[in-house]
Amino acid sequence: MTHLLLSYGLVLLFGVVAMESAGIPLPGETALVAAAILATPQHHHYSIVTVIVVAACAAIVGDNIGYWAGRVGGRKLLQRWGLLRRYADRALPAGERFFEKHGGKTVFIGRFVAVLRVTAAWLAGITHMPWWRFFLWNAAGGIAWATLVGLVAYYFGRAAADAFGRYGLLGAAAVIVLAVLAFVALRVWNKRFETSS
């Protein structure tokens, strides 16, 4: 079973990240962290560059599927039931105005927030955000997310994985800040020790 997971791990990574991005609540970020840890020198099952490229491509493809699903069928779905239709009639005009002003930022930042990662593409499609604008912000967000999360997990391994699992991106950022501060403090202490000897 382990051999099977290692052999098809990148395919699994692509599938989980793409499906999460398309709107199915799956642990895409956890899959990326796990794949990045398997790319570390201790494990060396994958190349970290390959892991990042696979995750970024999956994020972009999945988000585009979600965007087009929202654009083509989202409004029809919202208009199907009375209570949902009444809510949509009130909320859609405000949503369209919001996505007109802040759609690009929302799509980019949404890549880093668990709930938005699953819904931002659908919302962009439902509100008819222009596809080219969505695609540019989505690609930038997908590449930045895959690179940041992949490299954090690769370089900070188990601590980053635990932080991501428990506290999300902010927890991982705290781990990085603490590691950098410890490194700087150690360098300063070594310099003082060298000058005093």
Protein backbone atom coordinates (compact mmCIF):
# COMPACT_ATOMS: atom_id res chain seq x y z
CA MET A 1 0.00 0.00 0.00
CA THR A 2 2.83 2.42 0.90
CA HIS A 3 4.59 1.66 -2.39
CA LEU A 4 1.34 2.37 -4.25
CA LEU A 5 0.95 5.73 -2.48
CA LEU A 6 4.56 6.68 -3.21
CA SER A 7 4.28 5.60 -6.85
CA TYR A 8 1.07 7.52 -7.50
CA GLY A 9 1.52 10.26 -4.89
CA LEU A 10 1.90 13.09 -7.39
CA VAL A 11 -1.22 11.96 -9.26
CA LEU A 12 -3.04 11.83 -5.94
CA LEU A 13 -1.72 15.30 -5.06
CA PHE A 14 -2.97 16.67 -8.38
CA GLY A 15 -6.39 15.06 -7.92
CA VAL A 16 -6.94 16.21 -4.33
CA VAL A 17 -5.79 19.80 -4.96
CA ALA A 18 -7.76 20.07 -8.22
CA MET A 19 -10.96 18.70 -6.67
CA GLU A 20 -10.64 20.98 -3.64
CA SER A 21 -10.09 23.95 -5.94
CA ALA A 22 -13.11 22.96 -8.03
CA GLY A 23 -15.30 23.15 -4.93
CA ILE A 24 -15.16 19.75 -3.22
CA PRO A 25 -14.01 20.16 0.40
CA LEU A 26 -10.89 17.96 0.46
CA PRO A 27 -7.55 18.47 2.28
CA GLY A 28 -5.56 19.92 -0.64
CA GLU A 29 -3.16 21.89 1.52
CA THR A 30 -2.48 18.83 3.71
CA ALA A 31 -1.75 16.79 0.58
CA LEU A 32 0.72 19.45 -0.58
CA VAL A 33 2.43 19.52 2.83
CA ALA A 34 2.71 15.71 2.86
CA ALA A 35 4.15 15.62 -0.68
CA ALA A 36 6.65 18.37 0.16
CA ILE A 37 7.79 16.49 3.27
CA LEU A 38 8.25 13.36 1.13
CA ALA A 39 10.52 15.47 -1.11
CA THR A 40 12.87 16.38 1.76
CA PRO A 41 16.40 14.92 1.78
CA GLN A 42 15.38 12.57 4.63
CA HIS A 43 12.73 10.94 2.43
CA HIS A 44 13.66 12.03 -1.10
CA HIS A 45 10.71 10.35 -2.80
CA TYR A 46 9.93 13.35 -5.03
CA SER A 47 11.55 16.53 -6.29
CA ILE A 48 10.26 19.63 -4.48
CA VAL A 49 10.13 21.48 -7.81
CA THR A 50 7.88 18.76 -9.24
CA VAL A 51 5.65 18.84 -6.15
CA ILE A 52 5.24 22.63 -6.45
CA VAL A 53 4.55 22.49 -10.21
CA VAL A 54 1.98 19.69 -9.80
CA ALA A 55 0.19 21.51 -6.96
CA ALA A 56 0.17 24.86 -8.80
CA CYS A 57 -1.17 23.28 -12.01
CA ALA A 58 -3.82 21.39 -10.05
CA ALA A 59 -4.90 24.57 -8.26
CA ILE A 60 -5.20 26.48 -11.54
CA VAL A 61 -7.05 23.67 -13.36
CA GLY A 62 -9.40 23.00 -10.44
CA ASP A 63 -10.21 26.67 -9.93
CA ASN A 64 -11.02 27.06 -13.61
CA ILE A 65 -13.39 24.10 -13.43
CA GLY A 66 -15.04 25.71 -10.40
CA TYR A 67 -15.21 29.08 -12.15
CA TRP A 68 -16.93 27.65 -15.23
CA ALA A 69 -19.27 25.50 -13.13
CA GLY A 70 -20.28 28.63 -11.23
CA ARG A 71 -20.58 30.72 -14.37
CA VAL A 72 -22.61 28.18 -16.37
CA GLY A 73 -24.71 26.52 -13.68
CA GLY A 74 -24.35 28.54 -10.48
CA ARG A 75 -27.22 30.95 -11.07
CA LYS A 76 -29.50 28.17 -12.30
CA LEU A 77 -28.81 26.28 -9.09
CA LEU A 78 -29.49 29.38 -6.97
CA GLN A 79 -32.78 30.00 -8.81
CA ARG A 80 -34.01 26.43 -8.33
CA TRP A 81 -35.55 26.72 -4.82
CA GLY A 82 -37.72 29.56 -3.49
CA LEU A 83 -35.82 30.36 -0.30
CA LEU A 84 -32.46 30.18 -2.06
CA ARG A 85 -33.81 32.26 -4.96
CA ARG A 86 -34.98 35.05 -2.62
CA TYR A 87 -31.60 35.11 -0.89
CA ALA A 88 -29.74 35.09 -4.23
CA ASP A 89 -31.87 37.94 -5.59
CA ARG A 90 -30.77 40.07 -2.63
CA ALA A 91 -27.14 38.91 -2.41
CA LEU A 92 -26.06 38.64 -6.07
CA PRO A 93 -26.09 42.37 -6.92
CA ALA A 94 -23.88 43.12 -3.90
CA GLY A 95 -21.66 40.15 -4.76
CA GLU A 96 -21.27 41.38 -8.33
CA ARG A 97 -20.27 44.84 -7.12
CA PHE A 98 -17.81 43.31 -4.65
CA PHE A 99 -16.20 41.09 -7.31
CA GLU A 100 -16.09 44.05 -9.71
CA LYS A 101 -13.98 45.99 -7.20
CA HIS A 102 -12.15 43.29 -5.25
CA GLY A 103 -12.50 40.10 -7.29
CA GLY A 104 -8.83 39.75 -8.19
CA LYS A 105 -7.64 40.18 -4.61
CA THR A 106 -10.34 37.81 -3.35
CA VAL A 107 -9.32 35.09 -5.81
CA PHE A 108 -5.62 35.53 -4.92
CA ILE A 109 -6.08 35.66 -1.14
CA GLY A 110 -8.75 32.95 -1.29
CA ARG A 111 -6.06 30.47 -2.28
CA PHE A 112 -4.58 30.89 1.25
CA VAL A 113 -7.85 30.63 3.23
CA ALA A 114 -9.42 27.18 3.66
CA VAL A 115 -13.10 28.11 3.11
CA LEU A 116 -12.37 30.55 0.28
CA ARG A 117 -10.07 28.03 -1.41
CA VAL A 118 -13.14 25.84 -1.96
CA THR A 119 -15.62 28.62 -2.85
CA ALA A 120 -13.79 31.59 -4.44
CA ALA A 121 -13.78 30.16 -7.97
CA TRP A 122 -17.51 29.38 -7.84
CA LEU A 123 -18.26 32.85 -6.51
CA ALA A 124 -16.15 34.45 -9.25
CA GLY A 125 -18.05 32.45 -11.87
CA ILE A 126 -21.50 33.12 -10.40
CA THR A 127 -20.82 36.86 -10.23
CA HIS A 128 -19.53 36.78 -13.86
CA MET A 129 -16.07 38.07 -13.06
CA PRO A 130 -14.31 38.36 -16.47
CA TRP A 131 -12.52 35.06 -17.10
CA TRP A 132 -9.17 36.56 -18.20
CA ARG A 133 -9.02 38.60 -14.96
CA PHE A 134 -9.97 35.56 -12.92
CA PHE A 135 -7.38 33.43 -14.71
CA LEU A 136 -4.51 35.88 -14.08
CA TRP A 137 -5.26 36.30 -10.37
CA ASN A 138 -5.99 32.59 -10.01
CA ALA A 139 -2.71 31.58 -11.65
CA ALA A 140 -0.76 34.04 -9.48
CA GLY A 141 -2.49 32.75 -6.34
CA GLY A 142 -2.05 29.10 -7.26
CA ILE A 143 1.65 29.49 -8.01
CA ALA A 144 2.30 31.60 -4.88
CA TRP A 145 0.34 29.17 -2.67
CA ALA A 146 2.03 26.04 -4.02
CA THR A 147 5.48 27.64 -3.76
CA LEU A 148 5.03 29.06 -0.26
CA VAL A 149 3.32 26.05 1.31
CA GLY A 150 5.59 23.59 -0.53
CA LEU A 151 8.82 25.34 0.49
CA VAL A 152 7.72 25.89 4.09
CA ALA A 153 6.88 22.19 4.44
CA TYR A 154 10.09 21.20 2.63
CA TYR A 155 12.42 23.32 4.75
CA PHE A 156 10.65 23.18 8.08
CA GLY A 157 9.22 19.64 7.73
CA ARG A 158 7.39 18.18 10.68
CA ALA A 159 7.04 21.48 12.61
CA ALA A 160 5.49 23.15 9.57
CA ALA A 161 3.19 20.19 8.95
CA ASP A 162 1.96 20.30 12.56
CA ALA A 163 1.51 24.07 12.40
CA PHE A 164 -0.41 23.85 9.11
CA GLY A 165 -2.57 21.08 10.49
CA ARG A 166 -3.42 22.87 13.70
CA TYR A 167 -3.28 26.57 12.88
CA GLY A 168 -3.27 26.89 9.09
CA LEU A 169 -1.00 29.31 7.23
CA LEU A 170 -0.61 31.69 10.19
CA GLY A 171 0.72 28.87 12.36
CA ALA A 172 3.26 27.94 9.72
CA ALA A 173 4.26 31.59 9.37
CA ALA A 174 4.82 31.75 13.14
CA VAL A 175 7.08 28.67 12.92
CA ILE A 176 9.10 30.37 10.16
CA VAL A 177 9.40 33.64 12.09
CA LEU A 178 10.55 31.79 15.21
CA ALA A 179 13.09 29.78 13.20
CA VAL A 180 14.47 32.93 11.55
CA LEU A 181 14.66 34.76 14.91
CA ALA A 182 16.49 31.80 16.47
CA PHE A 183 18.93 31.74 13.55
CA VAL A 184 19.60 35.50 13.79
CA ALA A 185 20.01 35.31 17.59
CA LEU A 186 22.49 32.46 17.21
CA ARG A 187 24.51 34.40 14.63
CA VAL A 188 24.61 37.52 16.84
CA TRP A 189 25.64 35.43 19.85
CA ASN A 190 28.42 33.75 17.81
CA LYS A 191 29.71 37.15 16.58
CA ARG A 192 29.81 38.52 20.14
CA PHE A 193 31.58 35.39 21.35
CA GLU A 194 34.17 35.69 18.54
CA THR A 195 34.88 39.39 19.22
CA SER A 196 35.20 38.86 22.99
CA SER A 197 37.77 36.04 22.59
